[in-house]
Amino acid sequence: MPAVFLTIDTEFAWRHHAAGLDAATIHARSVEPAGVGLTWQLGVLARAGLKATFFVDPLPALIYGHEWAARMVEPVLAAGQEVQLHCHPNWIGAVAGDRGAAHGAFELIDLSADRQREVLARAIELLVAAGAPRPVAFRAGSYSANDDTLCALAALGLSYDSSHNGAHHPWPSAITLPPAQIAPVVRRGVIEVPVTVIEDKPGCWRNFQICALSTREMRAALDHAIVNDHAAVTIVGHSFELATRAGTAPNRVHVHRFEVLCAMLAERQDAAPTCHFADRPALPLGRADRPLAPDALRLRWRQAEQLWSTLVAERAA
C-alpha cells in the first residue's frame, strides 16, 4: 500500500513582509487567511480522520519574536498532527518594517555546504524553542535543496527530506535525482521522499499540489498509485494556499479541491493510509514507480479550472 504524506508548508509569506505589514497582519494573511488557513484545515483533517505533516518555518521568529513561531506550532500539536522543519533562508538578515529591503539568500542552494548546515541548525533550535519535538523530516522553502542539503540534514540527525520536486528540477530543486523520481530512496544518508508529480505532457511534470492539480487529476494520481502499488504519495499544500494571494478572501476553487482531496483520502484509507514522518512507516526504497501518464482531457479540464481560479476566484472580494 502506498503511504500518503499529506504535507502543509506553514509559514509567513514574504510578500506580506515586503508589503510592510506588521507581524499580526502577516500571520493573519499567511497562516490564518480568510477563515481557510491553519485552524480551518486542521478541522477538516480531524473530521476526515486524516494524518498530515505541517512543515513549519520558524525563521521569521528572528525578526518578529518567538511567539509567532509558537502560534504556528501549538495548534498543530494540539490537533494531534505533526510538526516538521521548513525554512526560507531569506528571513536571516531581514528587518521588520523595511519592506523586504534586507534579506538573506532566497535559495538554500545558493549557500555553501557549511552555511547550509548552520542555517538548518539554527532553524531546528527555533522550531524546538517554539514547542515542537525535534524534527525528523525537512522540506526546503521553494523545494530549494541539493545534495549538500541532504548531507547537512544527515549530520544534524534528520532522517527524511521531502524537497525533491521534478516539476521544479533542476532549479531550484537541485537534488541529483531524475525529475520523474517519485519513490522514496536513500540519498546522502537520509531517505528522500519526493513530492509526487504527474506527467502533464510528455516529458513535462506537474507536482501534486492543491493549487496545481484539478480534483480529477488528484483522483487519477491517487488511484494510479494504489493500482500500481507505489511506495508513497506525497502531496503539498500551504497554510495560505486556500485563500487569494492577498490573504483576504477564500479562493473557492482551492477550498473545494482541499475538501474533495480530504474526502478522497478518507475513502481510500484502507488502500492508501495517511501517515506522519514520525511514525517512521516501513517504506520500500528505490522502487521504479512511474508518475501518472498524460491525459489530454484531464489537462484541458484543469486548464479551464485554473483560468476560472485566476480570473474569478482569485479576485473575490
C-alpha atoms as a PDB file:
ATOM      1  CA  MET A   1       0.000   0.000   0.000  1.00  0.00           C
ATOM      2  CA  PRO A   2       1.299   3.482  -0.732  1.00  0.00           C
ATOM      3  CA  ALA A   3       1.956   5.608   2.330  1.00  0.00           C
ATOM      4  CA  VAL A   4       0.348   9.018   1.848  1.00  0.00           C
ATOM      5  CA  PHE A   5       2.169  12.079   3.180  1.00  0.00           C
ATOM      6  CA  LEU A   6      -0.284  14.981   3.152  1.00  0.00           C
ATOM      7  CA  THR A   7       2.011  17.940   3.811  1.00  0.00           C
ATOM      8  CA  ILE A   8       1.215  21.584   4.518  1.00  0.00           C
ATOM      9  CA  ASP A   9       4.043  24.139   4.336  1.00  0.00           C
ATOM     10  CA  THR A  10       3.185  26.589   7.115  1.00  0.00           C
ATOM     11  CA  GLU A  11       4.933  29.928   7.021  1.00  0.00           C
ATOM     12  CA  PHE A  12       4.921  33.705   6.929  1.00  0.00           C
ATOM     13  CA  ALA A  13       4.596  34.684   3.261  1.00  0.00           C
ATOM     14  CA  TRP A  14       7.449  37.002   2.297  1.00  0.00           C
ATOM     15  CA  ARG A  15       5.166  39.095   0.076  1.00  0.00           C
ATOM     16  CA  HIS A  16       3.278  40.353   3.130  1.00  0.00           C
ATOM     17  CA  HIS A  17       6.519  41.274   4.896  1.00  0.00           C
ATOM     18  CA  ALA A  18       7.658  43.070   1.725  1.00  0.00           C
ATOM     19  CA  ALA A  19       4.369  44.986   1.734  1.00  0.00           C
ATOM     20  CA  GLY A  20       5.330  46.457   5.109  1.00  0.00           C
ATOM     21  CA  LEU A  21       2.631  44.691   7.145  1.00  0.00           C
ATOM     22  CA  ASP A  22       3.059  44.092  10.876  1.00  0.00           C
ATOM     23  CA  ALA A  23       3.518  40.615  12.363  1.00  0.00           C
ATOM     24  CA  ALA A  24      -0.123  40.188  13.382  1.00  0.00           C
ATOM     25  CA  THR A  25      -1.341  41.000   9.885  1.00  0.00           C
ATOM     26  CA  ILE A  26       1.285  38.793   8.233  1.00  0.00           C
ATOM     27  CA  HIS A  27       0.168  35.925  10.475  1.00  0.00           C
ATOM     28  CA  ALA A  28      -3.477  36.596   9.683  1.00  0.00           C
ATOM     29  CA  ARG A  29      -2.873  36.608   5.919  1.00  0.00           C
ATOM     30  CA  SER A  30      -0.285  33.805   5.778  1.00  0.00           C
ATOM     31  CA  VAL A  31      -1.274  31.331   8.480  1.00  0.00           C
ATOM     32  CA  GLU A  32      -4.965  32.030   9.121  1.00  0.00           C
ATOM     33  CA  PRO A  33      -6.132  33.735   5.919  1.00  0.00           C
ATOM     34  CA  ALA A  34      -9.802  34.403   5.282  1.00  0.00           C
ATOM     35  CA  GLY A  35     -11.053  31.655   7.587  1.00  0.00           C
ATOM     36  CA  VAL A  36      -9.482  28.851   5.498  1.00  0.00           C
ATOM     37  CA  GLY A  37      -5.996  28.744   6.978  1.00  0.00           C
ATOM     38  CA  LEU A  38      -4.342  26.566   9.594  1.00  0.00           C
ATOM     39  CA  THR A  39      -7.231  26.259  12.062  1.00  0.00           C
ATOM     40  CA  TRP A  40      -9.798  25.509   9.373  1.00  0.00           C
ATOM     41  CA  GLN A  41      -7.555  22.972   7.646  1.00  0.00           C
ATOM     42  CA  LEU A  42      -6.910  21.184  10.940  1.00  0.00           C
ATOM     43  CA  GLY A  43     -10.661  20.921  11.457  1.00  0.00           C
ATOM     44  CA  VAL A  44     -11.240  19.384   8.028  1.00  0.00           C
ATOM     45  CA  LEU A  45      -8.443  16.893   8.622  1.00  0.00           C
ATOM     46  CA  ALA A  46      -9.870  15.929  12.026  1.00  0.00           C
ATOM     47  CA  ARG A  47     -13.346  15.325  10.631  1.00  0.00           C
ATOM     48  CA  ALA A  48     -11.883  13.170   7.853  1.00  0.00           C
ATOM     49  CA  GLY A  49      -9.677  11.221  10.269  1.00  0.00           C
ATOM     50  CA  LEU A  50      -6.507  12.016   8.347  1.00  0.00           C
ATOM     51  CA  LYS A  51      -2.893  12.487   9.378  1.00  0.00           C
ATOM     52  CA  ALA A  52      -0.951  15.443   7.981  1.00  0.00           C
ATOM     53  CA  THR A  53       2.530  16.893   8.302  1.00  0.00           C
ATOM     54  CA  PHE A  54       2.915  20.631   8.842  1.00  0.00           C
ATOM     55  CA  PHE A  55       6.334  21.788   7.687  1.00  0.00           C
ATOM     56  CA  VAL A  56       6.742  24.944   9.799  1.00  0.00           C
ATOM     57  CA  ASP A  57       9.238  27.709   9.008  1.00  0.00           C
ATOM     58  CA  PRO A  58      10.423  29.190  12.337  1.00  0.00           C
ATOM     59  CA  LEU A  59      12.945  31.675  10.883  1.00  0.00           C
ATOM     60  CA  PRO A  60      10.589  34.718  10.992  1.00  0.00           C
ATOM     61  CA  ALA A  61      10.928  34.422  14.784  1.00  0.00           C
ATOM     62  CA  LEU A  62      14.341  36.039  14.342  1.00  0.00           C
ATOM     63  CA  ILE A  63      12.609  39.246  13.237  1.00  0.00           C
ATOM     64  CA  TYR A  64       9.166  39.204  14.810  1.00  0.00           C
ATOM     65  CA  GLY A  65       9.685  37.188  18.004  1.00  0.00           C
ATOM     66  CA  HIS A  66       9.389  33.590  19.139  1.00  0.00           C
ATOM     67  CA  GLU A  67       5.671  33.813  19.897  1.00  0.00           C
ATOM     68  CA  TRP A  68       4.869  33.879  16.177  1.00  0.00           C
ATOM     69  CA  ALA A  69       6.594  30.540  15.589  1.00  0.00           C
ATOM     70  CA  ALA A  70       4.796  29.121  18.635  1.00  0.00           C
ATOM     71  CA  ARG A  71       1.470  30.274  17.197  1.00  0.00           C
ATOM     72  CA  MET A  72       2.099  28.026  14.197  1.00  0.00           C
ATOM     73  CA  VAL A  73       3.361  25.047  16.196  1.00  0.00           C
ATOM     74  CA  GLU A  74       0.881  24.915  19.068  1.00  0.00           C
ATOM     75  CA  PRO A  75      -2.388  24.464  17.107  1.00  0.00           C
ATOM     76  CA  VAL A  76      -0.867  21.660  15.034  1.00  0.00           C
ATOM     77  CA  LEU A  77       0.295  19.687  18.052  1.00  0.00           C
ATOM     78  CA  ALA A  78      -2.975  20.324  19.903  1.00  0.00           C
ATOM     79  CA  ALA A  79      -4.832  18.806  16.931  1.00  0.00           C
ATOM     80  CA  GLY A  80      -2.717  15.634  17.073  1.00  0.00           C
ATOM     81  CA  GLN A  81      -0.839  16.387  13.870  1.00  0.00           C
ATOM     82  CA  GLU A  82       2.920  16.562  13.437  1.00  0.00           C
ATOM     83  CA  VAL A  83       5.302  19.488  13.001  1.00  0.00           C
ATOM     84  CA  GLN A  84       8.418  19.071  10.882  1.00  0.00           C
ATOM     85  CA  LEU A  85      11.036  21.567   9.665  1.00  0.00           C
ATOM     86  CA  HIS A  86      10.722  24.050   6.809  1.00  0.00           C
ATOM     87  CA  CYS A  87      12.801  27.143   6.131  1.00  0.00           C
ATOM     88  CA  HIS A  88      13.246  30.027   3.751  1.00  0.00           C
ATOM     89  CA  PRO A  89      16.765  31.378   4.431  1.00  0.00           C
ATOM     90  CA  ASN A  90      15.933  34.896   3.201  1.00  0.00           C
ATOM     91  CA  TRP A  91      14.461  35.606   6.655  1.00  0.00           C
ATOM     92  CA  ILE A  92      18.001  35.563   8.085  1.00  0.00           C
ATOM     93  CA  GLY A  93      19.081  39.185   7.971  1.00  0.00           C
ATOM     94  CA  ALA A  94      15.560  40.541   7.360  1.00  0.00           C
ATOM     95  CA  VAL A  95      14.403  43.621   9.259  1.00  0.00           C
ATOM     96  CA  ALA A  96      10.869  44.323  10.434  1.00  0.00           C
ATOM     97  CA  GLY A  97       9.256  47.271   8.699  1.00  0.00           C
ATOM     98  CA  ASP A  98      11.835  47.758   5.907  1.00  0.00           C
ATOM     99  CA  ARG A  99       9.521  46.298   3.226  1.00  0.00           C
ATOM    100  CA  GLY A 100      11.933  43.482   2.408  1.00  0.00           C
ATOM    101  CA  ALA A 101      14.984  45.627   1.644  1.00  0.00           C
ATOM    102  CA  ALA A 102      17.266  43.497   3.848  1.00  0.00           C
ATOM    103  CA  HIS A 103      17.286  39.746   3.427  1.00  0.00           C
ATOM    104  CA  GLY A 104      19.454  36.687   3.170  1.00  0.00           C
ATOM    105  CA  ALA A 105      19.795  34.337   0.209  1.00  0.00           C
ATOM    106  CA  PHE A 106      16.391  33.364  -1.113  1.00  0.00           C
ATOM    107  CA  GLU A 107      17.503  29.877  -2.124  1.00  0.00           C
ATOM    108  CA  LEU A 108      19.149  27.466   0.280  1.00  0.00           C
ATOM    109  CA  ILE A 109      21.193  26.033  -2.597  1.00  0.00           C
ATOM    110  CA  ASP A 110      22.900  29.416  -3.029  1.00  0.00           C
ATOM    111  CA  LEU A 111      24.654  28.854   0.315  1.00  0.00           C
ATOM    112  CA  SER A 112      27.817  26.844   0.861  1.00  0.00           C
ATOM    113  CA  ALA A 113      27.554  23.408   2.427  1.00  0.00           C
ATOM    114  CA  ASP A 114      28.838  24.724   5.764  1.00  0.00           C
ATOM    115  CA  ARG A 115      26.458  27.689   5.727  1.00  0.00           C
ATOM    116  CA  GLN A 116      23.518  25.444   4.890  1.00  0.00           C
ATOM    117  CA  ARG A 117      24.301  23.350   7.941  1.00  0.00           C
ATOM    118  CA  GLU A 118      24.487  26.477  10.135  1.00  0.00           C
ATOM    119  CA  VAL A 119      21.125  27.741   8.867  1.00  0.00           C
ATOM    120  CA  LEU A 120      19.454  24.374   9.351  1.00  0.00           C
ATOM    121  CA  ALA A 121      20.872  24.001  12.857  1.00  0.00           C
ATOM    122  CA  ARG A 122      19.536  27.436  13.806  1.00  0.00           C
ATOM    123  CA  ALA A 123      16.128  26.627  12.315  1.00  0.00           C
ATOM    124  CA  ILE A 124      15.956  23.414  14.359  1.00  0.00           C
ATOM    125  CA  GLU A 125      16.750  25.355  17.522  1.00  0.00           C
ATOM    126  CA  LEU A 126      13.990  27.872  16.786  1.00  0.00           C
ATOM    127  CA  LEU A 127      11.432  25.177  15.977  1.00  0.00           C
ATOM    128  CA  VAL A 128      12.134  23.307  19.217  1.00  0.00           C
ATOM    129  CA  ALA A 129      12.039  26.584  21.171  1.00  0.00           C
ATOM    130  CA  ALA A 130       8.556  27.123  19.713  1.00  0.00           C
ATOM    131  CA  GLY A 131       7.407  23.879  21.349  1.00  0.00           C
ATOM    132  CA  ALA A 132       7.887  21.314  18.588  1.00  0.00           C
ATOM    133  CA  PRO A 133       9.575  17.953  19.122  1.00  0.00           C
ATOM    134  CA  ARG A 134      12.974  17.746  17.486  1.00  0.00           C
ATOM    135  CA  PRO A 135      12.197  17.267  13.783  1.00  0.00           C
ATOM    136  CA  VAL A 136      12.951  14.107  11.842  1.00  0.00           C
ATOM    137  CA  ALA A 137      11.931  15.485   8.420  1.00  0.00           C
ATOM    138  CA  PHE A 138      12.600  18.600   6.345  1.00  0.00           C
ATOM    139  CA  ARG A 139      11.357  20.401   3.266  1.00  0.00           C
ATOM    140  CA  ALA A 140      13.283  23.334   1.833  1.00  0.00           C
ATOM    141  CA  GLY A 141      11.481  26.553   1.012  1.00  0.00           C
ATOM    142  CA  SER A 142      10.781  26.643  -2.746  1.00  0.00           C
ATOM    143  CA  TYR A 143      11.990  22.992  -2.778  1.00  0.00           C
ATOM    144  CA  SER A 144      15.483  24.521  -2.918  1.00  0.00           C
ATOM    145  CA  ALA A 145      17.784  21.718  -1.816  1.00  0.00           C
ATOM    146  CA  ASN A 146      20.795  19.920  -3.228  1.00  0.00           C
ATOM    147  CA  ASP A 147      22.991  17.023  -2.171  1.00  0.00           C
ATOM    148  CA  ASP A 148      24.832  19.320   0.273  1.00  0.00           C
ATOM    149  CA  THR A 149      21.479  19.919   1.972  1.00  0.00           C
ATOM    150  CA  LEU A 150      20.948  16.198   2.415  1.00  0.00           C
ATOM    151  CA  CYS A 151      24.425  15.776   3.904  1.00  0.00           C
ATOM    152  CA  ALA A 152      23.704  18.599   6.344  1.00  0.00           C
ATOM    153  CA  LEU A 153      20.393  17.023   7.366  1.00  0.00           C
ATOM    154  CA  ALA A 154      22.050  13.661   7.973  1.00  0.00           C
ATOM    155  CA  ALA A 155      24.756  15.312  10.075  1.00  0.00           C
ATOM    156  CA  LEU A 156      22.063  17.054  12.129  1.00  0.00           C
ATOM    157  CA  GLY A 157      20.231  13.802  12.796  1.00  0.00           C
ATOM    158  CA  LEU A 158      17.218  14.160  10.489  1.00  0.00           C
ATOM    159  CA  SER A 159      16.010  11.018   8.765  1.00  0.00           C
ATOM    160  CA  TYR A 160      13.837  12.306   5.912  1.00  0.00           C
ATOM    161  CA  ASP A 161      13.845  15.036   3.303  1.00  0.00           C
ATOM    162  CA  SER A 162      10.918  15.910   1.030  1.00  0.00           C
ATOM    163  CA  SER A 163      12.399  18.612  -1.193  1.00  0.00           C
ATOM    164  CA  HIS A 164      12.885  16.779  -4.494  1.00  0.00           C
ATOM    165  CA  ASN A 165      10.225  18.035  -6.893  1.00  0.00           C
ATOM    166  CA  GLY A 166      10.573  17.080 -10.548  1.00  0.00           C
ATOM    167  CA  ALA A 167       8.332  19.964 -11.614  1.00  0.00           C
ATOM    168  CA  HIS A 168      10.951  22.386 -10.231  1.00  0.00           C
ATOM    169  CA  HIS A 169      14.063  20.421 -11.248  1.00  0.00           C
ATOM    170  CA  PRO A 170      16.936  21.189 -11.809  1.00  0.00           C
ATOM    171  CA  TRP A 171      16.434  24.643 -10.250  1.00  0.00           C
ATOM    172  CA  PRO A 172      15.751  25.374  -7.512  1.00  0.00           C
ATOM    173  CA  SER A 173      15.036  21.726  -6.678  1.00  0.00           C
ATOM    174  CA  ALA A 174      18.597  20.600  -7.320  1.00  0.00           C
ATOM    175  CA  ILE A 175      18.995  17.196  -5.685  1.00  0.00           C
ATOM    176  CA  THR A 176      20.660  14.930  -8.238  1.00  0.00           C
ATOM    177  CA  LEU A 177      17.723  12.626  -8.855  1.00  0.00           C
ATOM    178  CA  PRO A 178      15.699  12.261 -12.071  1.00  0.00           C
ATOM    179  CA  PRO A 179      12.696  14.582 -12.403  1.00  0.00           C
ATOM    180  CA  ALA A 180      10.378  11.550 -12.606  1.00  0.00           C
ATOM    181  CA  GLN A 181      11.691  10.128  -9.302  1.00  0.00           C
ATOM    182  CA  ILE A 182       8.627   9.777  -7.050  1.00  0.00           C
ATOM    183  CA  ALA A 183       9.543   6.711  -4.990  1.00  0.00           C
ATOM    184  CA  PRO A 184      11.451   7.170  -1.708  1.00  0.00           C
ATOM    185  CA  VAL A 185      15.162   6.493  -1.988  1.00  0.00           C
ATOM    186  CA  VAL A 186      18.199   6.725   0.276  1.00  0.00           C
ATOM    187  CA  ARG A 187      20.340   9.673  -0.716  1.00  0.00           C
ATOM    188  CA  ARG A 188      23.359  11.110   1.136  1.00  0.00           C
ATOM    189  CA  GLY A 189      22.381   9.498   4.429  1.00  0.00           C
ATOM    190  CA  VAL A 190      18.681  10.430   4.518  1.00  0.00           C
ATOM    191  CA  ILE A 191      15.538   8.978   2.986  1.00  0.00           C
ATOM    192  CA  GLU A 192      14.391  11.278   0.212  1.00  0.00           C
ATOM    193  CA  VAL A 193      10.590  11.256  -0.067  1.00  0.00           C
ATOM    194  CA  PRO A 194       9.967  13.167  -3.301  1.00  0.00           C
ATOM    195  CA  VAL A 195       6.935  15.297  -3.953  1.00  0.00           C
ATOM    196  CA  THR A 196       4.659  13.272  -6.219  1.00  0.00           C
ATOM    197  CA  VAL A 197       4.429  14.530  -9.796  1.00  0.00           C
ATOM    198  CA  ILE A 198       2.243  13.603 -12.734  1.00  0.00           C
ATOM    199  CA  GLU A 199       3.280  13.801 -16.375  1.00  0.00           C
ATOM    200  CA  ASP A 200       1.445  16.868 -17.622  1.00  0.00           C
ATOM    201  CA  LYS A 201       2.595  16.484 -21.210  1.00  0.00           C
ATOM    202  CA  PRO A 202       5.299  14.080 -22.455  1.00  0.00           C
ATOM    203  CA  GLY A 203       8.468  14.908 -20.532  1.00  0.00           C
ATOM    204  CA  CYS A 204       6.836  17.729 -18.533  1.00  0.00           C
ATOM    205  CA  TRP A 205       5.995  17.280 -14.858  1.00  0.00           C
ATOM    206  CA  ARG A 206       3.433  18.885 -12.557  1.00  0.00           C
ATOM    207  CA  ASN A 207       3.574  18.488  -8.792  1.00  0.00           C
ATOM    208  CA  PHE A 208       0.725  17.060  -6.720  1.00  0.00           C
ATOM    209  CA  GLN A 209      -0.203  20.344  -5.079  1.00  0.00           C
ATOM    210  CA  ILE A 210      -3.635  21.672  -4.219  1.00  0.00           C
ATOM    211  CA  CYS A 211      -3.226  24.794  -6.327  1.00  0.00           C
ATOM    212  CA  ALA A 212      -1.675  22.828  -9.217  1.00  0.00           C
ATOM    213  CA  LEU A 213      -3.957  19.847  -9.903  1.00  0.00           C
ATOM    214  CA  SER A 214      -7.684  19.548 -10.506  1.00  0.00           C
ATOM    215  CA  THR A 215      -9.739  17.143  -8.414  1.00  0.00           C
ATOM    216  CA  ARG A 216      -9.874  14.804 -11.446  1.00  0.00           C
ATOM    217  CA  GLU A 217      -6.086  14.751 -11.623  1.00  0.00           C
ATOM    218  CA  MET A 218      -5.790  14.207  -7.875  1.00  0.00           C
ATOM    219  CA  ARG A 219      -8.189  11.268  -8.028  1.00  0.00           C
ATOM    220  CA  ALA A 220      -6.379   9.768 -11.015  1.00  0.00           C
ATOM    221  CA  ALA A 221      -2.959  10.175  -9.340  1.00  0.00           C
ATOM    222  CA  LEU A 222      -4.133   8.538  -6.109  1.00  0.00           C
ATOM    223  CA  ASP A 223      -5.765   5.615  -7.882  1.00  0.00           C
ATOM    224  CA  HIS A 224      -2.722   5.223 -10.164  1.00  0.00           C
ATOM    225  CA  ALA A 225      -0.516   4.892  -7.073  1.00  0.00           C
ATOM    226  CA  ILE A 226      -2.865   2.368  -5.450  1.00  0.00           C
ATOM    227  CA  VAL A 227      -3.333   0.194  -8.551  1.00  0.00           C
ATOM    228  CA  ASN A 228       0.416   0.161  -9.229  1.00  0.00           C
ATOM    229  CA  ASP A 229       1.370  -0.433  -5.582  1.00  0.00           C
ATOM    230  CA  HIS A 230       3.549   2.675  -5.290  1.00  0.00           C
ATOM    231  CA  ALA A 231       5.689   3.150  -2.216  1.00  0.00           C
ATOM    232  CA  ALA A 232       4.370   6.626  -1.360  1.00  0.00           C
ATOM    233  CA  VAL A 233       2.269   9.568  -2.455  1.00  0.00           C
ATOM    234  CA  THR A 234       3.461  12.988  -1.272  1.00  0.00           C
ATOM    235  CA  ILE A 235       1.004  15.880  -1.550  1.00  0.00           C
ATOM    236  CA  VAL A 236       1.771  19.559  -0.957  1.00  0.00           C
ATOM    237  CA  GLY A 237      -0.369  22.393   0.359  1.00  0.00           C
ATOM    238  CA  HIS A 238       0.332  25.675   2.139  1.00  0.00           C
ATOM    239  CA  SER A 239      -1.228  27.415   5.089  1.00  0.00           C
ATOM    240  CA  PHE A 240      -2.176  30.301   2.772  1.00  0.00           C
ATOM    241  CA  GLU A 241      -2.994  28.310  -0.362  1.00  0.00           C
ATOM    242  CA  LEU A 242      -6.763  28.168   0.053  1.00  0.00           C
ATOM    243  CA  ALA A 243      -7.053  31.966   0.092  1.00  0.00           C
ATOM    244  CA  THR A 244      -6.358  34.590  -2.529  1.00  0.00           C
ATOM    245  CA  ARG A 245      -2.792  35.866  -2.772  1.00  0.00           C
ATOM    246  CA  ALA A 246      -3.795  38.920  -0.760  1.00  0.00           C
ATOM    247  CA  GLY A 247      -4.940  36.579   2.018  1.00  0.00           C
ATOM    248  CA  THR A 248      -8.205  38.439   2.453  1.00  0.00           C
ATOM    249  CA  ALA A 249     -10.760  36.095   0.841  1.00  0.00           C
ATOM    250  CA  PRO A 250     -11.093  32.366   0.196  1.00  0.00           C
ATOM    251  CA  ASN A 251     -10.191  31.002  -3.220  1.00  0.00           C
ATOM    252  CA  ARG A 252     -13.259  28.831  -3.669  1.00  0.00           C
ATOM    253  CA  VAL A 253     -11.601  26.634  -6.307  1.00  0.00           C
ATOM    254  CA  HIS A 254      -8.777  25.734  -3.936  1.00  0.00           C
ATOM    255  CA  VAL A 255     -11.094  25.299  -0.952  1.00  0.00           C
ATOM    256  CA  HIS A 256     -13.197  22.868  -2.971  1.00  0.00           C
ATOM    257  CA  ARG A 257     -10.086  20.949  -4.039  1.00  0.00           C
ATOM    258  CA  PHE A 258      -8.910  20.600  -0.438  1.00  0.00           C
ATOM    259  CA  GLU A 259     -12.305  19.363   0.745  1.00  0.00           C
ATOM    260  CA  VAL A 260     -12.576  16.855  -2.110  1.00  0.00           C
ATOM    261  CA  LEU A 261      -8.979  15.699  -1.596  1.00  0.00           C
ATOM    262  CA  CYS A 262      -9.601  15.016   2.091  1.00  0.00           C
ATOM    263  CA  ALA A 263     -12.784  13.102   1.245  1.00  0.00           C
ATOM    264  CA  MET A 264     -10.897  11.025  -1.339  1.00  0.00           C
ATOM    265  CA  LEU A 265      -8.134  10.228   1.125  1.00  0.00           C
ATOM    266  CA  ALA A 266     -10.656   9.270   3.798  1.00  0.00           C
ATOM    267  CA  GLU A 267     -12.370   6.895   1.350  1.00  0.00           C
ATOM    268  CA  ARG A 268      -9.028   5.292   0.473  1.00  0.00           C
ATOM    269  CA  GLN A 269      -7.567   4.942   3.981  1.00  0.00           C
ATOM    270  CA  ASP A 270      -7.560   1.132   3.776  1.00  0.00           C
ATOM    271  CA  ALA A 271      -5.667   1.176   0.477  1.00  0.00           C
ATOM    272  CA  ALA A 272      -3.517   4.313   0.949  1.00  0.00           C
ATOM    273  CA  PRO A 273      -3.273   5.353   4.608  1.00  0.00           C
ATOM    274  CA  THR A 274      -2.089   8.813   5.572  1.00  0.00           C
ATOM    275  CA  CYS A 275       0.888   8.818   7.902  1.00  0.00           C
ATOM    276  CA  HIS A 276       3.334  11.036   9.775  1.00  0.00           C
ATOM    277  CA  PHE A 277       7.077  11.005   9.205  1.00  0.00           C
ATOM    278  CA  ALA A 278       7.474  10.480  12.950  1.00  0.00           C
ATOM    279  CA  ASP A 279       5.593   7.181  12.524  1.00  0.00           C
ATOM    280  CA  ARG A 280       8.631   6.021  10.548  1.00  0.00           C
ATOM    281  CA  PRO A 281       6.499   3.929   8.192  1.00  0.00           C
ATOM    282  CA  ALA A 282       8.126   0.962   6.506  1.00  0.00           C
ATOM    283  CA  LEU A 283       8.775   2.480   3.095  1.00  0.00           C
ATOM    284  CA  PRO A 284      10.037   0.258   0.285  1.00  0.00           C
ATOM    285  CA  LEU A 285      13.049   2.110  -1.075  1.00  0.00           C
ATOM    286  CA  GLY A 286      14.462   2.551  -4.549  1.00  0.00           C
ATOM    287  CA  ARG A 287      11.378   1.355  -6.412  1.00  0.00           C
ATOM    288  CA  ALA A 288      10.824   2.226 -10.081  1.00  0.00           C
ATOM    289  CA  ASP A 289       7.431   3.856  -9.541  1.00  0.00           C
ATOM    290  CA  ARG A 290       6.301   5.901 -12.537  1.00  0.00           C
ATOM    291  CA  PRO A 291       4.181   9.053 -12.475  1.00  0.00           C
ATOM    292  CA  LEU A 292       0.663   9.135 -13.873  1.00  0.00           C
ATOM    293  CA  ALA A 293       0.828   9.426 -17.678  1.00  0.00           C
ATOM    294  CA  PRO A 294      -0.568  12.408 -19.602  1.00  0.00           C
ATOM    295  CA  ASP A 295      -4.245  12.657 -20.494  1.00  0.00           C
ATOM    296  CA  ALA A 296      -5.434  15.421 -22.816  1.00  0.00           C
ATOM    297  CA  LEU A 297      -8.963  15.580 -21.393  1.00  0.00           C
ATOM    298  CA  ARG A 298      -7.745  15.912 -17.800  1.00  0.00           C
ATOM    299  CA  LEU A 299      -5.280  18.580 -18.907  1.00  0.00           C
ATOM    300  CA  ARG A 300      -7.922  20.667 -20.698  1.00  0.00           C
ATOM    301  CA  TRP A 301     -10.303  20.406 -17.750  1.00  0.00           C
ATOM    302  CA  ARG A 302      -7.632  21.637 -15.365  1.00  0.00           C
ATOM    303  CA  GLN A 303      -6.630  24.474 -17.648  1.00  0.00           C
ATOM    304  CA  ALA A 304     -10.245  25.660 -17.695  1.00  0.00           C
ATOM    305  CA  GLU A 305     -10.445  25.331 -13.908  1.00  0.00           C
ATOM    306  CA  GLN A 306      -7.192  27.233 -13.467  1.00  0.00           C
ATOM    307  CA  LEU A 307      -8.477  30.012 -15.692  1.00  0.00           C
ATOM    308  CA  TRP A 308     -11.608  30.322 -13.534  1.00  0.00           C
ATOM    309  CA  SER A 309      -9.439  30.342 -10.406  1.00  0.00           C
ATOM    310  CA  THR A 310      -7.237  33.121 -11.794  1.00  0.00           C
ATOM    311  CA  LEU A 311      -9.940  35.309 -13.299  1.00  0.00           C
ATOM    312  CA  VAL A 312     -12.761  34.811 -10.792  1.00  0.00           C
ATOM    313  CA  ALA A 313     -11.820  33.072  -7.526  1.00  0.00           C
ATOM    314  CA  GLU A 314      -8.541  34.972  -7.109  1.00  0.00           C
ATOM    315  CA  ARG A 315     -10.372  38.289  -7.446  1.00  0.00           C
ATOM    316  CA  ALA A 316     -13.055  37.518  -4.895  1.00  0.00           C
ATOM    317  CA  ALA A 317     -13.913  40.435  -2.619  1.00  0.00           C
END
